[in-house]
């Protein structure tokens, strides 16, 4: 409105409950995405982060709703993170979000 460019990103978000699985997705998956897993696939409790370089473009969670709450904001802010940080459960996603500003 004021002739200024604004970087606005309101990514798509959807969810589905399938039997004992709560599946949520936000953002998009780039063709050449690097995928980083956090959690345990075998127990059906994990998050997958899709990145272009270090930029988080999308996030998929299975039975990890709290991770999606932060993951959505990471995608909206086009936050940058190293794959090792995202994979490490000892690194708080909130801390990664704080670094994104």
PDB file of N, CA and C in Angstrom:
ATOM      1  N   UNK A   1       0.809  -1.189   0.000  1.00  0.00           N
ATOM      2  CA  UNK A   1       0.000   0.000   0.000  1.00  0.00           C
ATOM      3  C   UNK A   1       0.856   1.258   0.000  1.00  0.00           C
ATOM      4  N   UNK A   2       1.993   1.188   0.597  1.00  0.00           N
ATOM      5  CA  UNK A   2       2.845   2.367   0.703  1.00  0.00           C
ATOM      6  C   UNK A   2       3.970   2.343  -0.319  1.00  0.00           C
ATOM      7  N   UNK A   3       3.865   1.459  -1.295  1.00  0.00           N
ATOM      8  CA  UNK A   3       4.901   1.363  -2.308  1.00  0.00           C
ATOM      9  C   UNK A   3       6.146   0.636  -1.833  1.00  0.00           C
ATOM     10  N   UNK A   4       6.017  -0.061  -0.710  1.00  0.00           N
ATOM     11  CA  UNK A   4       7.150  -0.807  -0.176  1.00  0.00           C
ATOM     12  C   UNK A   4       6.947  -2.291  -0.431  1.00  0.00           C
ATOM     13  N   UNK A   5       8.060  -2.967  -0.758  1.00  0.00           N
ATOM     14  CA  UNK A   5       7.966  -4.406  -0.913  1.00  0.00           C
ATOM     15  C   UNK A   5       7.967  -5.059   0.461  1.00  0.00           C
ATOM     16  N   UNK A   6       7.098  -6.021   0.621  1.00  0.00           N
ATOM     17  CA  UNK A   6       6.995  -6.734   1.884  1.00  0.00           C
ATOM     18  C   UNK A   6       7.164  -8.214   1.589  1.00  0.00           C
ATOM     19  N   UNK A   7       8.056  -8.862   2.320  1.00  0.00           N
ATOM     20  CA  UNK A   7       8.250 -10.298   2.179  1.00  0.00           C
ATOM     21  C   UNK A   7       7.222 -10.986   3.064  1.00  0.00           C
ATOM     22  N   UNK A   8       6.186 -11.526   2.447  1.00  0.00           N
ATOM     23  CA  UNK A   8       5.097 -12.143   3.187  1.00  0.00           C
ATOM     24  C   UNK A   8       4.988 -13.599   2.773  1.00  0.00           C
ATOM     25  N   UNK A   9       4.969 -14.470   3.733  1.00  0.00           N
ATOM     26  CA  UNK A   9       4.878 -15.898   3.444  1.00  0.00           C
ATOM     27  C   UNK A   9       3.860 -16.517   4.391  1.00  0.00           C
ATOM     28  N   UNK A  10       2.705 -16.858   3.868  1.00  0.00           N
ATOM     29  CA  UNK A  10       1.697 -17.583   4.642  1.00  0.00           C
ATOM     30  C   UNK A  10       1.539 -18.938   3.966  1.00  0.00           C
ATOM     31  N   UNK A  11       2.328 -19.911   4.399  1.00  0.00           N
ATOM     32  CA  UNK A  11       2.347 -21.207   3.712  1.00  0.00           C
ATOM     33  C   UNK A  11       1.069 -22.007   3.913  1.00  0.00           C
ATOM     34  N   UNK A  12       0.842 -22.924   2.988  1.00  0.00           N
ATOM     35  CA  UNK A  12      -0.292 -23.834   3.131  1.00  0.00           C
ATOM     36  C   UNK A  12      -0.040 -24.736   4.327  1.00  0.00           C
ATOM     37  N   UNK A  13      -1.125 -25.158   4.952  1.00  0.00           N
ATOM     38  CA  UNK A  13      -1.036 -26.078   6.086  1.00  0.00           C
ATOM     39  C   UNK A  13      -2.251 -26.984   6.035  1.00  0.00           C
ATOM     40  N   UNK A  14      -2.035 -28.247   6.226  1.00  0.00           N
ATOM     41  CA  UNK A  14      -3.160 -29.172   6.321  1.00  0.00           C
ATOM     42  C   UNK A  14      -2.803 -30.326   7.243  1.00  0.00           C
ATOM     43  N   UNK A  15      -3.840 -31.033   7.684  1.00  0.00           N
ATOM     44  CA  UNK A  15      -3.644 -32.148   8.592  1.00  0.00           C
ATOM     45  C   UNK A  15      -4.670 -33.227   8.305  1.00  0.00           C
ATOM     46  N   UNK A  16      -4.385 -34.405   8.797  1.00  0.00           N
ATOM     47  CA  UNK A  16      -5.310 -35.524   8.676  1.00  0.00           C
ATOM     48  C   UNK A  16      -5.045 -36.485   9.827  1.00  0.00           C
ATOM     49  N   UNK A  17      -6.102 -37.013  10.371  1.00  0.00           N
ATOM     50  CA  UNK A  17      -5.990 -38.076  11.363  1.00  0.00           C
ATOM     51  C   UNK A  17      -6.317 -39.382  10.667  1.00  0.00           C
ATOM     52  N   UNK A  18      -5.362 -40.283  10.660  1.00  0.00           N
ATOM     53  CA  UNK A  18      -5.529 -41.595  10.038  1.00  0.00           C
ATOM     54  C   UNK A  18      -5.279 -42.650  11.108  1.00  0.00           C
ATOM     55  N   UNK A  19      -6.373 -43.237  11.603  1.00  0.00           N
ATOM     56  CA  UNK A  19      -6.282 -44.214  12.684  1.00  0.00           C
ATOM     57  C   UNK A  19      -5.521 -43.593  13.854  1.00  0.00           C
ATOM     58  N   UNK A  20      -4.346 -44.105  14.227  1.00  0.00           N
ATOM     59  CA  UNK A  20      -3.623 -43.560  15.375  1.00  0.00           C
ATOM     60  C   UNK A  20      -2.542 -42.551  14.965  1.00  0.00           C
ATOM     61  N   UNK A  21      -2.617 -42.058  13.734  1.00  0.00           N
ATOM     62  CA  UNK A  21      -1.624 -41.108  13.240  1.00  0.00           C
ATOM     63  C   UNK A  21      -2.230 -39.723  13.055  1.00  0.00           C
ATOM     64  N   UNK A  22      -1.572 -38.733  13.614  1.00  0.00           N
ATOM     65  CA  UNK A  22      -1.909 -37.346  13.332  1.00  0.00           C
ATOM     66  C   UNK A  22      -0.831 -36.834  12.392  1.00  0.00           C
ATOM     67  N   UNK A  23      -1.201 -36.546  11.150  1.00  0.00           N
ATOM     68  CA  UNK A  23      -0.262 -36.140  10.117  1.00  0.00           C
ATOM     69  C   UNK A  23      -0.533 -34.685   9.766  1.00  0.00           C
ATOM     70  N   UNK A  24       0.520 -33.856   9.809  1.00  0.00           N
ATOM     71  CA  UNK A  24       0.380 -32.447   9.467  1.00  0.00           C
ATOM     72  C   UNK A  24       1.485 -32.054   8.498  1.00  0.00           C
ATOM     73  N   UNK A  25       1.164 -31.129   7.595  1.00  0.00           N
ATOM     74  CA  UNK A  25       2.154 -30.628   6.646  1.00  0.00           C
ATOM     75  C   UNK A  25       1.987 -29.130   6.493  1.00  0.00           C
ATOM     76  N   UNK A  26       3.123 -28.446   6.339  1.00  0.00           N
ATOM     77  CA  UNK A  26       3.121 -27.004   6.127  1.00  0.00           C
ATOM     78  C   UNK A  26       4.210 -26.650   5.130  1.00  0.00           C
ATOM     79  N   UNK A  27       3.919 -25.730   4.215  1.00  0.00           N
ATOM     80  CA  UNK A  27       4.907 -25.240   3.266  1.00  0.00           C
ATOM     81  C   UNK A  27       4.855 -25.985   1.956  1.00  0.00           C
ATOM     82  N   UNK A  28       6.025 -26.239   1.386  1.00  0.00           N
ATOM     83  CA  UNK A  28       6.105 -27.011   0.150  1.00  0.00           C
ATOM     84  C   UNK A  28       7.420 -27.787   0.133  1.00  0.00           C
ATOM     85  N   UNK A  29       7.495 -28.728  -0.796  1.00  0.00           N
ATOM     86  CA  UNK A  29       8.686 -29.561  -0.924  1.00  0.00           C
ATOM     87  C   UNK A  29       9.368 -29.205  -2.245  1.00  0.00           C
ATOM     88  N   UNK A  30      10.492 -28.516  -2.176  1.00  0.00           N
ATOM     89  CA  UNK A  30      11.219 -28.198  -3.407  1.00  0.00           C
ATOM     90  C   UNK A  30      11.678 -29.478  -4.111  1.00  0.00           C
ATOM     91  N   UNK A  31      11.810 -29.413  -5.427  1.00  0.00           N
ATOM     92  CA  UNK A  31      12.211 -30.582  -6.215  1.00  0.00           C
ATOM     93  C   UNK A  31      13.539 -31.151  -5.712  1.00  0.00           C
ATOM     94  N   UNK A  32      14.473 -30.291  -5.405  1.00  0.00           N
ATOM     95  CA  UNK A  32      15.793 -30.738  -4.954  1.00  0.00           C
ATOM     96  C   UNK A  32      15.934 -30.645  -3.424  1.00  0.00           C
ATOM     97  N   UNK A  33      14.843 -30.845  -2.708  1.00  0.00           N
ATOM     98  CA  UNK A  33      14.854 -30.672  -1.254  1.00  0.00           C
ATOM     99  C   UNK A  33      15.809 -31.633  -0.561  1.00  0.00           C
ATOM    100  N   UNK A  34      16.447 -31.110   0.454  1.00  0.00           N
ATOM    101  CA  UNK A  34      17.209 -31.932   1.376  1.00  0.00           C
ATOM    102  C   UNK A  34      16.266 -32.234   2.534  1.00  0.00           C
ATOM    103  N   UNK A  35      16.176 -33.489   2.927  1.00  0.00           N
ATOM    104  CA  UNK A  35      15.239 -33.915   3.965  1.00  0.00           C
ATOM    105  C   UNK A  35      16.013 -34.270   5.234  1.00  0.00           C
ATOM    106  N   UNK A  36      15.556 -33.706   6.346  1.00  0.00           N
ATOM    107  CA  UNK A  36      16.167 -33.994   7.641  1.00  0.00           C
ATOM    108  C   UNK A  36      15.091 -34.543   8.560  1.00  0.00           C
ATOM    109  N   UNK A  37      15.353 -35.678   9.178  1.00  0.00           N
ATOM    110  CA  UNK A  37      14.392 -36.295  10.098  1.00  0.00           C
ATOM    111  C   UNK A  37      14.763 -36.011  11.545  1.00  0.00           C
ATOM    112  N   UNK A  38      13.732 -35.794  12.346  1.00  0.00           N
ATOM    113  CA  UNK A  38      13.880 -35.579  13.788  1.00  0.00           C
ATOM    114  C   UNK A  38      12.876 -36.507  14.441  1.00  0.00           C
ATOM    115  N   UNK A  39      13.327 -37.355  15.334  1.00  0.00           N
ATOM    116  CA  UNK A  39      12.422 -38.293  15.977  1.00  0.00           C
ATOM    117  C   UNK A  39      12.675 -39.703  15.492  1.00  0.00           C
ATOM    118  N   UNK A  40      11.637 -40.548  15.605  1.00  0.00           N
ATOM    119  CA  UNK A  40      11.800 -41.973  15.339  1.00  0.00           C
ATOM    120  C   UNK A  40      10.730 -42.473  14.373  1.00  0.00           C
ATOM    121  N   UNK A  41      11.154 -42.836  13.166  1.00  0.00           N
ATOM    122  CA  UNK A  41      10.213 -43.358  12.170  1.00  0.00           C
ATOM    123  C   UNK A  41       9.513 -44.620  12.665  1.00  0.00           C
ATOM    124  N   UNK A  42      10.248 -45.497  13.308  1.00  0.00           N
ATOM    125  CA  UNK A  42       9.695 -46.791  13.732  1.00  0.00           C
ATOM    126  C   UNK A  42       8.544 -46.635  14.726  1.00  0.00           C
ATOM    127  N   UNK A  43       8.584 -45.583  15.543  1.00  0.00           N
ATOM    128  CA  UNK A  43       7.531 -45.383  16.541  1.00  0.00           C
ATOM    129  C   UNK A  43       6.419 -44.458  16.038  1.00  0.00           C
ATOM    130  N   UNK A  44       6.516 -44.040  14.763  1.00  0.00           N
ATOM    131  CA  UNK A  44       5.527 -43.119  14.185  1.00  0.00           C
ATOM    132  C   UNK A  44       5.432 -41.808  14.950  1.00  0.00           C
ATOM    133  N   UNK A  45       6.575 -41.309  15.387  1.00  0.00           N
ATOM    134  CA  UNK A  45       6.646 -40.006  16.040  1.00  0.00           C
ATOM    135  C   UNK A  45       7.880 -39.294  15.511  1.00  0.00           C
ATOM    136  N   UNK A  46       7.669 -38.474  14.482  1.00  0.00           N
ATOM    137  CA  UNK A  46       8.804 -37.809  13.859  1.00  0.00           C
ATOM    138  C   UNK A  46       8.368 -36.543  13.135  1.00  0.00           C
ATOM    139  N   UNK A  47       9.371 -35.747  12.801  1.00  0.00           N
ATOM    140  CA  UNK A  47       9.179 -34.561  11.957  1.00  0.00           C
ATOM    141  C   UNK A  47      10.196 -34.657  10.828  1.00  0.00           C
ATOM    142  N   UNK A  48       9.785 -34.253   9.649  1.00  0.00           N
ATOM    143  CA  UNK A  48      10.679 -34.186   8.495  1.00  0.00           C
ATOM    144  C   UNK A  48      10.714 -32.739   8.031  1.00  0.00           C
ATOM    145  N   UNK A  49      11.919 -32.197   7.907  1.00  0.00           N
ATOM    146  CA  UNK A  49      12.105 -30.827   7.453  1.00  0.00           C
ATOM    147  C   UNK A  49      12.647 -30.856   6.032  1.00  0.00           C
ATOM    148  N   UNK A  50      12.063 -30.040   5.159  1.00  0.00           N
ATOM    149  CA  UNK A  50      12.458 -29.965   3.761  1.00  0.00           C
ATOM    150  C   UNK A  50      13.153 -28.627   3.538  1.00  0.00           C
ATOM    151  N   UNK A  51      14.391 -28.678   3.077  1.00  0.00           N
ATOM    152  CA  UNK A  51      15.192 -27.470   2.944  1.00  0.00           C
ATOM    153  C   UNK A  51      15.745 -27.288   1.538  1.00  0.00           C
ATOM    154  N   UNK A  52      15.894 -26.026   1.172  1.00  0.00           N
ATOM    155  CA  UNK A  52      16.678 -25.609   0.013  1.00  0.00           C
ATOM    156  C   UNK A  52      17.893 -24.913   0.599  1.00  0.00           C
ATOM    157  N   UNK A  53      19.047 -25.526   0.482  1.00  0.00           N
ATOM    158  CA  UNK A  53      20.203 -25.002   1.197  1.00  0.00           C
ATOM    159  C   UNK A  53      19.911 -25.121   2.682  1.00  0.00           C
ATOM    160  N   UNK A  54      20.000 -24.014   3.386  1.00  0.00           N
ATOM    161  CA  UNK A  54      19.668 -24.030   4.810  1.00  0.00           C
ATOM    162  C   UNK A  54      18.271 -23.473   5.088  1.00  0.00           C
ATOM    163  N   UNK A  55      17.561 -23.025   4.063  1.00  0.00           N
ATOM    164  CA  UNK A  55      16.236 -22.439   4.248  1.00  0.00           C
ATOM    165  C   UNK A  55      15.187 -23.533   4.411  1.00  0.00           C
ATOM    166  N   UNK A  56      14.401 -23.440   5.468  1.00  0.00           N
ATOM    167  CA  UNK A  56      13.345 -24.413   5.732  1.00  0.00           C
ATOM    168  C   UNK A  56      12.132 -24.038   4.885  1.00  0.00           C
ATOM    169  N   UNK A  57      11.794 -24.903   3.938  1.00  0.00           N
ATOM    170  CA  UNK A  57      10.693 -24.656   2.993  1.00  0.00           C
ATOM    171  C   UNK A  57       9.414 -25.382   3.385  1.00  0.00           C
ATOM    172  N   UNK A  58       9.553 -26.501   4.102  1.00  0.00           N
ATOM    173  CA  UNK A  58       8.378 -27.273   4.476  1.00  0.00           C
ATOM    174  C   UNK A  58       8.676 -28.169   5.659  1.00  0.00           C
ATOM    175  N   UNK A  59       7.606 -28.591   6.327  1.00  0.00           N
ATOM    176  CA  UNK A  59       7.746 -29.502   7.461  1.00  0.00           C
ATOM    177  C   UNK A  59       6.550 -30.450   7.480  1.00  0.00           C
ATOM    178  N   UNK A  60       6.832 -31.712   7.751  1.00  0.00           N
ATOM    179  CA  UNK A  60       5.819 -32.757   7.883  1.00  0.00           C
ATOM    180  C   UNK A  60       5.995 -33.363   9.267  1.00  0.00           C
ATOM    181  N   UNK A  61       4.900 -33.482  10.014  1.00  0.00           N
ATOM    182  CA  UNK A  61       4.992 -34.127  11.319  1.00  0.00           C
ATOM    183  C   UNK A  61       4.017 -35.288  11.394  1.00  0.00           C
ATOM    184  N   UNK A  62       4.422 -36.301  12.118  1.00  0.00           N
ATOM    185  CA  UNK A  62       3.560 -37.442  12.424  1.00  0.00           C
ATOM    186  C   UNK A  62       3.587 -37.595  13.935  1.00  0.00           C
ATOM    187  N   UNK A  63       2.426 -37.400  14.547  1.00  0.00           N
ATOM    188  CA  UNK A  63       2.259 -37.505  15.997  1.00  0.00           C
ATOM    189  C   UNK A  63       3.236 -36.608  16.768  1.00  0.00           C
ATOM    190  N   UNK A  64       3.528 -35.442  16.224  1.00  0.00           N
ATOM    191  CA  UNK A  64       4.388 -34.463  16.910  1.00  0.00           C
ATOM    192  C   UNK A  64       3.822 -33.064  16.702  1.00  0.00           C
ATOM    193  N   UNK A  65       2.614 -32.858  17.175  1.00  0.00           N
ATOM    194  CA  UNK A  65       1.935 -31.572  16.997  1.00  0.00           C
ATOM    195  C   UNK A  65       2.736 -30.385  17.537  1.00  0.00           C
ATOM    196  N   UNK A  66       3.401 -30.491  18.689  1.00  0.00           N
ATOM    197  CA  UNK A  66       4.180 -29.339  19.163  1.00  0.00           C
ATOM    198  C   UNK A  66       5.268 -28.920  18.174  1.00  0.00           C
ATOM    199  N   UNK A  67       5.884 -29.889  17.495  1.00  0.00           N
ATOM    200  CA  UNK A  67       6.894 -29.548  16.492  1.00  0.00           C
ATOM    201  C   UNK A  67       6.272 -28.780  15.331  1.00  0.00           C
ATOM    202  N   UNK A  68       5.032 -29.107  14.977  1.00  0.00           N
ATOM    203  CA  UNK A  68       4.376 -28.389  13.884  1.00  0.00           C
ATOM    204  C   UNK A  68       4.075 -26.955  14.287  1.00  0.00           C
ATOM    205  N   UNK A  69       3.712 -26.742  15.536  1.00  0.00           N
ATOM    206  CA  UNK A  69       3.439 -25.384  15.993  1.00  0.00           C
ATOM    207  C   UNK A  69       4.623 -24.463  15.746  1.00  0.00           C
ATOM    208  N   UNK A  70       5.809 -24.943  16.005  1.00  0.00           N
ATOM    209  CA  UNK A  70       7.014 -24.151  15.764  1.00  0.00           C
ATOM    210  C   UNK A  70       7.423 -24.255  14.296  1.00  0.00           C
ATOM    211  N   UNK A  71       7.250 -25.436  13.716  1.00  0.00           N
ATOM    212  CA  UNK A  71       7.619 -25.649  12.321  1.00  0.00           C
ATOM    213  C   UNK A  71       6.919 -24.691  11.374  1.00  0.00           C
ATOM    214  N   UNK A  72       5.643 -24.422  11.622  1.00  0.00           N
ATOM    215  CA  UNK A  72       4.908 -23.463  10.783  1.00  0.00           C
ATOM    216  C   UNK A  72       5.582 -22.096  10.796  1.00  0.00           C
ATOM    217  N   UNK A  73       5.992 -21.663  11.967  1.00  0.00           N
ATOM    218  CA  UNK A  73       6.639 -20.355  12.074  1.00  0.00           C
ATOM    219  C   UNK A  73       8.014 -20.355  11.417  1.00  0.00           C
ATOM    220  N   UNK A  74       8.719 -21.493  11.482  1.00  0.00           N
ATOM    221  CA  UNK A  74      10.011 -21.588  10.800  1.00  0.00           C
ATOM    222  C   UNK A  74       9.828 -21.431   9.291  1.00  0.00           C
ATOM    223  N   UNK A  75       8.785 -22.065   8.753  1.00  0.00           N
ATOM    224  CA  UNK A  75       8.510 -21.956   7.310  1.00  0.00           C
ATOM    225  C   UNK A  75       8.089 -20.539   6.961  1.00  0.00           C
ATOM    226  N   UNK A  76       7.188 -19.955   7.751  1.00  0.00           N
ATOM    227  CA  UNK A  76       6.722 -18.589   7.486  1.00  0.00           C
ATOM    228  C   UNK A  76       7.884 -17.597   7.451  1.00  0.00           C
ATOM    229  N   UNK A  77       8.827 -17.765   8.339  1.00  0.00           N
ATOM    230  CA  UNK A  77       9.957 -16.827   8.426  1.00  0.00           C
ATOM    231  C   UNK A  77      11.100 -17.193   7.477  1.00  0.00           C
ATOM    232  N   UNK A  78      10.903 -18.301   6.747  1.00  0.00           N
ATOM    233  CA  UNK A  78      11.957 -18.786   5.849  1.00  0.00           C
ATOM    234  C   UNK A  78      13.269 -18.887   6.616  1.00  0.00           C
ATOM    235  N   UNK A  79      13.134 -19.490   7.807  1.00  0.00           N
ATOM    236  CA  UNK A  79      14.271 -19.624   8.715  1.00  0.00           C
ATOM    237  C   UNK A  79      15.356 -20.500   8.105  1.00  0.00           C
ATOM    238  N   UNK A  80      16.565 -20.231   8.534  1.00  0.00           N
ATOM    239  CA  UNK A  80      17.711 -21.023   8.093  1.00  0.00           C
ATOM    240  C   UNK A  80      18.209 -21.834   9.286  1.00  0.00           C
ATOM    241  N   UNK A  81      18.596 -23.077   9.014  1.00  0.00           N
ATOM    242  CA  UNK A  81      19.139 -23.941  10.056  1.00  0.00           C
ATOM    243  C   UNK A  81      20.000 -25.006   9.406  1.00  0.00           C
ATOM    244  N   UNK A  82      20.952 -25.477  10.156  1.00  0.00           N
ATOM    245  CA  UNK A  82      21.768 -26.587   9.686  1.00  0.00           C
ATOM    246  C   UNK A  82      21.007 -27.880   9.923  1.00  0.00           C
ATOM    247  N   UNK A  83      21.176 -28.825   9.016  1.00  0.00           N
ATOM    248  CA  UNK A  83      20.478 -30.108   9.126  1.00  0.00           C
ATOM    249  C   UNK A  83      20.779 -30.791  10.460  1.00  0.00           C
ATOM    250  N   UNK A  84      22.013 -30.691  10.923  1.00  0.00           N
ATOM    251  CA  UNK A  84      22.388 -31.328  12.189  1.00  0.00           C
ATOM    252  C   UNK A  84      21.593 -30.759  13.362  1.00  0.00           C
ATOM    253  N   UNK A  85      21.304 -29.450  13.330  1.00  0.00           N
ATOM    254  CA  UNK A  85      20.487 -28.837  14.385  1.00  0.00           C
ATOM    255  C   UNK A  85      19.071 -29.388  14.358  1.00  0.00           C
ATOM    256  N   UNK A  86      18.503 -29.463  13.153  1.00  0.00           N
ATOM    257  CA  UNK A  86      17.124 -29.932  13.026  1.00  0.00           C
ATOM    258  C   UNK A  86      16.981 -31.390  13.442  1.00  0.00           C
ATOM    259  N   UNK A  87      17.984 -32.202  13.181  1.00  0.00           N
ATOM    260  CA  UNK A  87      17.924 -33.624  13.503  1.00  0.00           C
ATOM    261  C   UNK A  87      18.135 -33.905  14.984  1.00  0.00           C
ATOM    262  N   UNK A  88      18.806 -33.013  15.678  1.00  0.00           N
ATOM    263  CA  UNK A  88      19.192 -33.225  17.070  1.00  0.00           C
ATOM    264  C   UNK A  88      18.048 -32.855  18.019  1.00  0.00           C
ATOM    265  N   UNK A  89      17.473 -33.855  18.664  1.00  0.00           N
ATOM    266  CA  UNK A  89      16.357 -33.617  19.588  1.00  0.00           C
ATOM    267  C   UNK A  89      16.775 -32.790  20.797  1.00  0.00           C
ATOM    268  N   UNK A  90      18.073 -32.702  21.065  1.00  0.00           N
ATOM    269  CA  UNK A  90      18.551 -31.887  22.183  1.00  0.00           C
ATOM    270  C   UNK A  90      18.618 -30.406  21.832  1.00  0.00           C
ATOM    271  N   UNK A  91      18.492 -30.080  20.553  1.00  0.00           N
ATOM    272  CA  UNK A  91      18.454 -28.681  20.116  1.00  0.00           C
ATOM    273  C   UNK A  91      16.985 -28.269  20.017  1.00  0.00           C
ATOM    274  N   UNK A  92      16.606 -27.287  20.785  1.00  0.00           N
ATOM    275  CA  UNK A  92      15.226 -26.824  20.816  1.00  0.00           C
ATOM    276  C   UNK A  92      14.840 -26.136  19.501  1.00  0.00           C
ATOM    277  N   UNK A  93      13.692 -26.521  18.957  1.00  0.00           N
ATOM    278  CA  UNK A  93      13.201 -25.828  17.765  1.00  0.00           C
ATOM    279  C   UNK A  93      12.907 -24.366  18.073  1.00  0.00           C
ATOM    280  N   UNK A  94      12.529 -24.085  19.315  1.00  0.00           N
ATOM    281  CA  UNK A  94      12.297 -22.692  19.719  1.00  0.00           C
ATOM    282  C   UNK A  94      13.586 -21.871  19.615  1.00  0.00           C
ATOM    283  N   UNK A  95      14.707 -22.480  19.957  1.00  0.00           N
ATOM    284  CA  UNK A  95      15.985 -21.769  19.844  1.00  0.00           C
ATOM    285  C   UNK A  95      16.307 -21.474  18.377  1.00  0.00           C
ATOM    286  N   UNK A  96      16.009 -22.421  17.495  1.00  0.00           N
ATOM    287  CA  UNK A  96      16.219 -22.193  16.071  1.00  0.00           C
ATOM    288  C   UNK A  96      15.319 -21.060  15.594  1.00  0.00           C
ATOM    289  N   UNK A  97      14.083 -21.039  16.080  1.00  0.00           N
ATOM    290  CA  UNK A  97      13.140 -19.969  15.713  1.00  0.00           C
ATOM    291  C   UNK A  97      13.639 -18.618  16.207  1.00  0.00           C
ATOM    292  N   UNK A  98      14.167 -18.570  17.416  1.00  0.00           N
ATOM    293  CA  UNK A  98      14.693 -17.311  17.968  1.00  0.00           C
ATOM    294  C   UNK A  98      15.836 -16.786  17.111  1.00  0.00           C
ATOM    295  N   UNK A  99      16.697 -17.693  16.641  1.00  0.00           N
ATOM    296  CA  UNK A  99      17.818 -17.287  15.801  1.00  0.00           C
ATOM    297  C   UNK A  99      17.330 -16.692  14.481  1.00  0.00           C
ATOM    298  N   UNK A 100      16.146 -17.144  14.024  1.00  0.00           N
ATOM    299  CA  UNK A 100      15.586 -16.663  12.757  1.00  0.00           C
ATOM    300  C   UNK A 100      15.090 -15.222  12.878  1.00  0.00           C
ATOM    301  N   UNK A 101      14.852 -14.803  14.115  1.00  0.00           N
ATOM    302  CA  UNK A 101      14.417 -13.419  14.322  1.00  0.00           C
ATOM    303  C   UNK A 101      12.979 -13.169  14.181  1.00  0.00           C
TER     304      UNK A 101
END
